[in-house]
């Protein structure tokens, strides 16, 4: 019988083992240095997120002064009714949705990179994004309601991952992780082809623009009801990641070492993958396809606080929420027409990824 895993005593040793983790940068600090600095990093990101939230609530075509925003948030009712409608019915749900989406995508990316021991792993690795996109595209093509489209996207993401798992278990490979990755790539490509087929068959004047706009991602149509549903799905997916945050560091060790410590490796991987899938499916169902957050943000978080998943998870969530909020605020402020966040995340994410790779190569 192997000894039981104890988060309080074993997680620090796992953090040292993460030095050989493919997703961990070479220039990590000592364990004691990380323990001292990561709360300060999280606190600074939280303050930056708070300041960005207040700015985002007031910025836009209908400008709201900061003092009016603070009074309305405090419950003072002397602000004009139009300003209150903008804050509570339009801008407030949108800002909160951007925060939830950014945090969920960043957490999902961090979890998948730990599970697959691959720094290129992202929420779309298992076909989650492609499956959710296909479900939503079908809903738009058949003229379903907004709620039905979101439900179809959520079910499509879950079905894609279930199909990937089914196919991955049939592949005659000893490495189960490699089987899942290959199955995810194949299923994702197939779903991408089906999306292209539906776009070809869609009406070019009504359905095709709606499909294209949704695939680029948008927070423009987020309502309070959508926000509640998004928050519930994201919370449902993030809870397993938070509960397993100490045990996730064991994934940096070999399978034999993990089993010797009394951990059930398949259950640990399944819990992390299911949590990431639920969170990603919820975000895609509410806001469409938004890439790069789940790929780039975990790398930046590791550069800040090291490779331990218990520290990377909260920092990545704060950083992802901050980045997503800044991108959405910029997208609705830089021009007469709104720029989809999927476009801006690609424009920002690619240079940031290059910078992170150059920093790692120089270390």
Protein backbone atom coordinates (compact mmCIF):
# COMPACT_ATOMS: atom_id res chain seq x y z
CA UNK A 1 0.00 0.00 0.00
CA UNK A 2 1.43 3.38 -1.01
CA UNK A 3 1.22 6.22 1.45
CA UNK A 4 -1.59 8.72 1.12
CA UNK A 5 -1.02 12.07 -0.55
CA UNK A 6 -0.86 14.98 1.88
CA UNK A 7 -1.21 18.43 0.28
CA UNK A 8 0.42 20.18 3.18
CA UNK A 9 3.61 18.10 3.11
CA UNK A 10 3.92 16.82 -0.44
CA UNK A 11 2.92 19.80 -2.59
CA UNK A 12 6.20 21.62 -1.96
CA UNK A 13 8.19 18.59 -3.11
CA UNK A 14 5.98 18.35 -6.20
CA UNK A 15 6.71 22.00 -6.91
CA UNK A 16 10.40 21.09 -7.04
CA UNK A 17 9.58 18.22 -9.37
CA UNK A 18 7.88 20.66 -11.70
CA UNK A 19 11.31 21.83 -12.75
CA UNK A 20 11.30 18.95 -15.24
CA UNK A 21 7.76 19.76 -16.30
CA UNK A 22 7.63 20.73 -20.00
CA UNK A 23 5.26 23.58 -19.22
CA UNK A 24 7.44 25.11 -16.52
CA UNK A 25 9.94 27.84 -17.44
CA UNK A 26 13.59 27.23 -16.73
CA UNK A 27 14.11 30.44 -14.76
CA UNK A 28 11.81 29.65 -11.84
CA UNK A 29 12.62 31.01 -8.41
CA UNK A 30 13.21 29.02 -5.25
CA UNK A 31 10.28 27.54 -3.41
CA UNK A 32 10.64 29.94 -0.48
CA UNK A 33 10.80 32.92 -2.82
CA UNK A 34 7.64 31.81 -4.58
CA UNK A 35 5.82 31.35 -1.28
CA UNK A 36 6.72 34.89 -0.25
CA UNK A 37 5.96 36.65 -3.52
CA UNK A 38 2.95 34.94 -5.08
CA UNK A 39 0.37 36.50 -2.68
CA UNK A 40 1.75 39.90 -3.58
CA UNK A 41 1.43 39.09 -7.28
CA UNK A 42 -2.16 37.94 -6.77
CA UNK A 43 -2.94 41.05 -4.73
CA UNK A 44 -1.49 43.37 -7.37
CA UNK A 45 -3.48 41.63 -10.10
CA UNK A 46 -6.65 41.86 -8.00
CA UNK A 47 -6.17 45.60 -7.54
CA UNK A 48 -5.51 46.03 -11.26
CA UNK A 49 -8.65 44.04 -12.03
CA UNK A 50 -10.71 46.21 -9.68
CA UNK A 51 -9.39 49.41 -11.25
CA UNK A 52 -10.00 48.06 -14.76
CA UNK A 53 -13.54 47.05 -13.79
CA UNK A 54 -14.38 50.54 -12.58
CA UNK A 55 -12.91 52.04 -15.74
CA UNK A 56 -14.76 49.58 -17.98
CA UNK A 57 -18.08 50.32 -16.26
CA UNK A 58 -17.71 54.00 -17.09
CA UNK A 59 -16.12 53.84 -20.54
CA UNK A 60 -18.02 53.63 -23.80
CA UNK A 61 -20.15 55.76 -26.05
CA UNK A 62 -22.34 56.64 -23.07
CA UNK A 63 -19.65 57.85 -20.68
CA UNK A 64 -20.24 57.45 -16.96
CA UNK A 65 -18.05 59.50 -14.59
CA UNK A 66 -16.26 57.51 -11.93
CA UNK A 67 -18.07 59.20 -9.06
CA UNK A 68 -21.44 58.33 -10.64
CA UNK A 69 -20.35 54.72 -11.05
CA UNK A 70 -19.27 54.52 -7.41
CA UNK A 71 -22.54 56.07 -6.19
CA UNK A 72 -24.63 53.67 -8.24
CA UNK A 73 -22.61 50.71 -7.04
CA UNK A 74 -23.11 51.93 -3.47
CA UNK A 75 -26.88 52.05 -4.00
CA UNK A 76 -27.28 55.83 -4.11
CA UNK A 77 -30.22 56.58 -6.39
CA UNK A 78 -29.46 60.17 -7.42
CA UNK A 79 -28.00 59.16 -10.80
CA UNK A 80 -30.10 59.57 -13.96
CA UNK A 81 -32.28 56.63 -14.92
CA UNK A 82 -30.50 56.32 -18.28
CA UNK A 83 -27.14 55.97 -16.54
CA UNK A 84 -28.51 53.33 -14.19
CA UNK A 85 -29.97 51.39 -17.11
CA UNK A 86 -26.61 51.46 -18.91
CA UNK A 87 -24.75 50.32 -15.80
CA UNK A 88 -27.05 47.59 -14.52
CA UNK A 89 -28.64 46.25 -17.70
CA UNK A 90 -25.99 46.64 -20.41
CA UNK A 91 -22.48 47.41 -19.24
CA UNK A 92 -22.50 45.64 -15.89
CA UNK A 93 -23.41 42.16 -17.19
CA UNK A 94 -20.97 42.57 -20.06
CA UNK A 95 -18.05 43.53 -17.81
CA UNK A 96 -18.73 40.71 -15.37
CA UNK A 97 -19.10 38.23 -18.25
CA UNK A 98 -15.69 39.25 -19.63
CA UNK A 99 -14.15 38.70 -16.19
CA UNK A 100 -15.74 35.25 -15.80
CA UNK A 101 -14.81 34.16 -19.32
CA UNK A 102 -11.20 35.25 -18.97
CA UNK A 103 -10.80 33.54 -15.62
CA UNK A 104 -12.45 30.32 -16.79
CA UNK A 105 -10.41 30.06 -20.00
CA UNK A 106 -7.13 30.77 -18.21
CA UNK A 107 -7.88 28.20 -15.50
CA UNK A 108 -8.87 25.61 -18.11
CA UNK A 109 -5.65 26.19 -20.03
CA UNK A 110 -3.53 25.85 -16.90
CA UNK A 111 -5.28 22.59 -15.98
CA UNK A 112 -4.94 21.04 -19.43
CA UNK A 113 -1.26 21.99 -19.70
CA UNK A 114 -0.66 20.21 -16.40
CA UNK A 115 -2.69 17.14 -17.37
CA UNK A 116 -1.05 16.69 -20.77
CA UNK A 117 2.39 17.94 -19.68
CA UNK A 118 2.36 20.04 -22.81
CA UNK A 119 2.90 23.82 -22.88
CA UNK A 120 0.87 24.05 -26.10
CA UNK A 121 -2.25 22.53 -24.55
CA UNK A 122 -5.27 24.83 -24.62
CA UNK A 123 -9.04 24.49 -24.07
CA UNK A 124 -9.53 23.58 -27.72
CA UNK A 125 -7.05 20.68 -27.54
CA UNK A 126 -9.80 18.13 -26.78
CA UNK A 127 -12.22 19.61 -29.29
CA UNK A 128 -14.23 21.49 -26.67
CA UNK A 129 -14.29 24.77 -28.58
CA UNK A 130 -14.94 23.05 -31.91
CA UNK A 131 -17.78 20.98 -30.47
CA UNK A 132 -19.41 23.97 -28.81
CA UNK A 133 -19.00 26.00 -31.98
CA UNK A 134 -20.62 23.26 -34.07
CA UNK A 135 -23.55 23.08 -31.67
CA UNK A 136 -24.07 26.84 -31.82
CA UNK A 137 -23.70 26.95 -35.61
CA UNK A 138 -26.38 24.27 -35.94
CA UNK A 139 -28.66 26.31 -33.69
CA UNK A 140 -28.18 29.44 -35.78
CA UNK A 141 -28.66 27.48 -39.00
CA UNK A 142 -31.99 26.03 -37.84
CA UNK A 143 -33.20 29.36 -36.42
CA UNK A 144 -33.34 28.38 -32.77
CA UNK A 145 -33.75 30.84 -29.91
CA UNK A 146 -30.78 32.38 -28.14
CA UNK A 147 -31.17 30.10 -25.14
CA UNK A 148 -31.43 27.04 -27.39
CA UNK A 149 -28.27 28.10 -29.25
CA UNK A 150 -26.37 28.44 -25.97
CA UNK A 151 -27.66 25.09 -24.75
CA UNK A 152 -26.70 23.48 -28.05
CA UNK A 153 -23.20 24.94 -27.78
CA UNK A 154 -22.79 23.62 -24.24
CA UNK A 155 -24.03 20.15 -25.17
CA UNK A 156 -21.80 20.18 -28.26
CA UNK A 157 -18.70 20.87 -26.19
CA UNK A 158 -19.46 18.07 -23.75
CA UNK A 159 -20.32 15.66 -26.58
CA UNK A 160 -17.05 16.44 -28.36
CA UNK A 161 -15.00 15.60 -25.27
CA UNK A 162 -17.00 12.40 -24.71
CA UNK A 163 -16.31 11.40 -28.31
CA UNK A 164 -12.62 12.18 -27.91
CA UNK A 165 -12.46 9.98 -24.82
CA UNK A 166 -14.29 7.16 -26.60
CA UNK A 167 -11.98 7.31 -29.61
CA UNK A 168 -8.90 7.74 -27.43
CA UNK A 169 -9.60 4.53 -25.53
CA UNK A 170 -9.81 2.61 -28.81
CA UNK A 171 -6.43 3.75 -30.12
CA UNK A 172 -3.80 1.00 -29.65
CA UNK A 173 -1.31 3.27 -27.87
CA UNK A 174 0.23 2.68 -24.46
CA UNK A 175 0.40 6.39 -23.70
CA UNK A 176 -3.21 7.33 -22.84
CA UNK A 177 -2.41 11.04 -22.84
CA UNK A 178 -1.05 10.85 -26.39
CA UNK A 179 -4.14 8.92 -27.45
CA UNK A 180 -6.41 11.68 -26.14
CA UNK A 181 -4.35 14.39 -27.82
CA UNK A 182 -4.42 12.63 -31.19
CA UNK A 183 -8.13 11.93 -30.87
CA UNK A 184 -8.77 15.56 -29.93
CA UNK A 185 -6.88 16.83 -32.96
CA UNK A 186 -8.77 14.49 -35.27
CA UNK A 187 -12.21 15.21 -33.81
CA UNK A 188 -11.51 18.94 -33.78
CA UNK A 189 -10.53 18.89 -37.45
CA UNK A 190 -13.66 16.93 -38.32
CA UNK A 191 -15.88 19.36 -36.43
CA UNK A 192 -14.13 22.27 -38.14
CA UNK A 193 -14.97 20.74 -41.50
CA UNK A 194 -18.61 20.33 -40.44
CA UNK A 195 -18.73 23.98 -39.38
CA UNK A 196 -17.38 24.98 -42.80
CA UNK A 197 -20.04 22.82 -44.43
CA UNK A 198 -22.85 24.48 -42.47
CA UNK A 199 -21.46 27.92 -43.35
CA UNK A 200 -21.50 26.92 -47.02
CA UNK A 201 -25.16 25.86 -46.78
CA UNK A 202 -26.24 28.87 -44.68
CA UNK A 203 -28.11 31.83 -46.11
CA UNK A 204 -25.43 34.41 -47.07
CA UNK A 205 -27.58 37.39 -46.05
CA UNK A 206 -28.97 36.33 -42.67
CA UNK A 207 -27.46 33.15 -41.26
CA UNK A 208 -23.88 33.42 -42.48
CA UNK A 209 -23.19 36.85 -40.91
CA UNK A 210 -24.64 35.65 -37.61
CA UNK A 211 -22.50 32.51 -37.69
CA UNK A 212 -19.34 34.44 -38.56
CA UNK A 213 -19.98 37.05 -35.87
CA UNK A 214 -20.61 34.37 -33.24
CA UNK A 215 -17.47 32.43 -34.15
CA UNK A 216 -15.37 35.57 -33.57
CA UNK A 217 -16.78 35.92 -30.07
CA UNK A 218 -18.79 38.77 -28.58
CA UNK A 219 -20.06 40.09 -25.26
CA UNK A 220 -22.45 42.55 -26.88
CA UNK A 221 -25.60 40.51 -26.31
CA UNK A 222 -24.85 39.34 -22.75
CA UNK A 223 -27.82 39.82 -20.41
CA UNK A 224 -28.24 39.29 -16.70
CA UNK A 225 -29.78 35.87 -17.36
CA UNK A 226 -26.84 34.91 -19.58
CA UNK A 227 -24.45 36.07 -16.87
CA UNK A 228 -26.10 33.90 -14.23
CA UNK A 229 -25.95 30.85 -16.49
CA UNK A 230 -22.33 31.57 -17.45
CA UNK A 231 -21.29 32.04 -13.82
CA UNK A 232 -23.01 28.81 -12.77
CA UNK A 233 -21.34 26.74 -15.51
CA UNK A 234 -17.94 28.33 -14.89
CA UNK A 235 -18.23 27.73 -11.15
CA UNK A 236 -19.23 24.12 -11.78
CA UNK A 237 -16.10 23.63 -13.85
CA UNK A 238 -13.71 25.57 -11.62
CA UNK A 239 -14.64 23.79 -8.38
CA UNK A 240 -12.85 20.52 -9.34
CA UNK A 241 -9.79 22.50 -10.42
CA UNK A 242 -9.67 24.31 -7.09
CA UNK A 243 -10.20 21.15 -5.07
CA UNK A 244 -7.45 19.32 -6.98
CA UNK A 245 -5.00 22.24 -7.09
CA UNK A 246 -2.50 20.63 -4.68
CA UNK A 247 -2.72 17.15 -6.17
CA UNK A 248 -2.28 18.50 -9.71
CA UNK A 249 1.42 19.10 -9.02
CA UNK A 250 1.85 15.32 -8.85
CA UNK A 251 1.22 15.17 -12.61
CA UNK A 252 4.77 16.42 -13.11
CA UNK A 253 6.04 13.11 -11.72
CA UNK A 254 6.10 9.79 -13.50
CA UNK A 255 3.02 7.57 -13.41
CA UNK A 256 4.75 5.03 -11.15
CA UNK A 257 5.72 7.72 -8.63
CA UNK A 258 2.18 9.07 -8.57
CA UNK A 259 0.74 5.61 -7.92
CA UNK A 260 3.34 5.01 -5.19
CA UNK A 261 2.03 8.08 -3.38
CA UNK A 262 -1.46 6.62 -3.24
CA UNK A 263 -3.03 8.85 -5.89
CA UNK A 264 -5.45 7.52 -8.48
CA UNK A 265 -3.96 9.02 -11.60
CA UNK A 266 -6.88 8.34 -14.02
CA UNK A 267 -9.38 9.91 -11.61
CA UNK A 268 -7.13 12.94 -11.08
CA UNK A 269 -6.76 13.52 -14.80
CA UNK A 270 -10.47 12.94 -15.40
CA UNK A 271 -11.45 15.46 -12.72
CA UNK A 272 -9.18 18.14 -14.16
CA UNK A 273 -10.24 17.49 -17.76
CA UNK A 274 -13.95 17.48 -16.84
CA UNK A 275 -13.59 20.73 -14.91
CA UNK A 276 -11.78 22.40 -17.80
CA UNK A 277 -14.39 21.08 -20.25
CA UNK A 278 -17.35 22.38 -18.26
CA UNK A 279 -15.78 25.81 -17.80
CA UNK A 280 -14.79 26.12 -21.46
CA UNK A 281 -18.15 24.89 -22.76
CA UNK A 282 -19.93 27.46 -20.62
CA UNK A 283 -17.79 30.32 -21.90
CA UNK A 284 -18.15 29.29 -25.54
CA UNK A 285 -21.91 28.93 -25.13
CA UNK A 286 -22.19 32.45 -23.73
CA UNK A 287 -19.58 34.43 -25.68
CA UNK A 288 -18.49 32.38 -28.68
CA UNK A 289 -14.99 31.30 -29.63
CA UNK A 290 -12.27 33.31 -27.89
CA UNK A 291 -8.80 31.90 -28.34
CA UNK A 292 -5.31 32.48 -26.96
CA UNK A 293 -6.37 33.27 -23.38
CA UNK A 294 -6.11 29.64 -22.32
CA UNK A 295 -2.78 29.21 -24.09
CA UNK A 296 -0.84 32.39 -23.24
CA UNK A 297 -2.05 33.33 -19.76
CA UNK A 298 -0.85 30.15 -17.96
CA UNK A 299 2.64 30.72 -19.38
CA UNK A 300 2.68 34.27 -18.05
CA UNK A 301 1.41 33.08 -14.67
CA UNK A 302 4.24 30.54 -14.42
CA UNK A 303 6.79 33.23 -15.15
CA UNK A 304 5.34 35.22 -12.26
CA UNK A 305 4.96 32.59 -9.55
CA UNK A 306 6.68 29.40 -10.73
CA UNK A 307 5.29 26.05 -11.79
CA UNK A 308 3.19 24.89 -8.84
CA UNK A 309 -0.40 24.51 -10.01
CA UNK A 310 -1.72 25.63 -6.62
CA UNK A 311 -0.15 29.06 -7.23
CA UNK A 312 -0.57 29.16 -11.00
CA UNK A 313 -4.35 28.61 -10.84
CA UNK A 314 -5.40 31.76 -8.89
CA UNK A 315 -2.82 33.96 -10.60
CA UNK A 316 -3.85 32.70 -14.06
CA UNK A 317 -7.51 33.33 -13.26
CA UNK A 318 -6.83 36.91 -12.17
CA UNK A 319 -4.55 37.58 -15.12
CA UNK A 320 -6.98 36.00 -17.60
CA UNK A 321 -9.88 38.04 -16.21
CA UNK A 322 -7.82 41.23 -16.41
CA UNK A 323 -6.65 40.57 -19.96
CA UNK A 324 -10.12 39.63 -21.19
CA UNK A 325 -11.67 42.72 -19.61
CA UNK A 326 -9.03 45.04 -21.10
CA UNK A 327 -9.48 43.46 -24.55
CA UNK A 328 -13.27 43.78 -24.43
CA UNK A 329 -13.09 47.38 -23.24
CA UNK A 330 -10.61 48.20 -25.99
CA UNK A 331 -12.73 46.43 -28.61
CA UNK A 332 -15.80 48.53 -27.90
CA UNK A 333 -13.89 51.80 -27.58
CA UNK A 334 -11.38 52.02 -30.44
CA UNK A 335 -13.79 52.59 -33.32
CA UNK A 336 -17.31 53.31 -34.44
CA UNK A 337 -18.05 49.60 -34.78
CA UNK A 338 -17.18 47.00 -32.18
CA UNK A 339 -14.12 44.84 -32.76
CA UNK A 340 -14.77 41.18 -31.77
CA UNK A 341 -12.64 40.03 -28.84
CA UNK A 342 -11.53 36.95 -30.79
CA UNK A 343 -9.73 39.24 -33.23
CA UNK A 344 -7.98 41.24 -30.52
CA UNK A 345 -6.94 38.19 -28.50
CA UNK A 346 -5.20 36.81 -31.58
CA UNK A 347 -3.49 40.15 -32.29
CA UNK A 348 -2.34 40.44 -28.67
CA UNK A 349 -1.79 36.76 -27.92
CA UNK A 350 0.62 35.93 -30.73
CA UNK A 351 3.21 38.65 -29.88
CA UNK A 352 2.90 37.85 -26.17
CA UNK A 353 3.54 34.17 -26.85
CA UNK A 354 6.62 35.06 -28.92
CA UNK A 355 7.87 37.27 -26.08
CA UNK A 356 7.36 34.52 -23.53
CA UNK A 357 9.24 32.02 -25.71
CA UNK A 358 12.12 34.45 -26.18
CA UNK A 359 12.29 35.04 -22.44
CA UNK A 360 12.43 31.29 -21.79
CA UNK A 361 15.14 30.80 -24.42
CA UNK A 362 17.25 33.55 -22.83
CA UNK A 363 16.91 32.09 -19.35
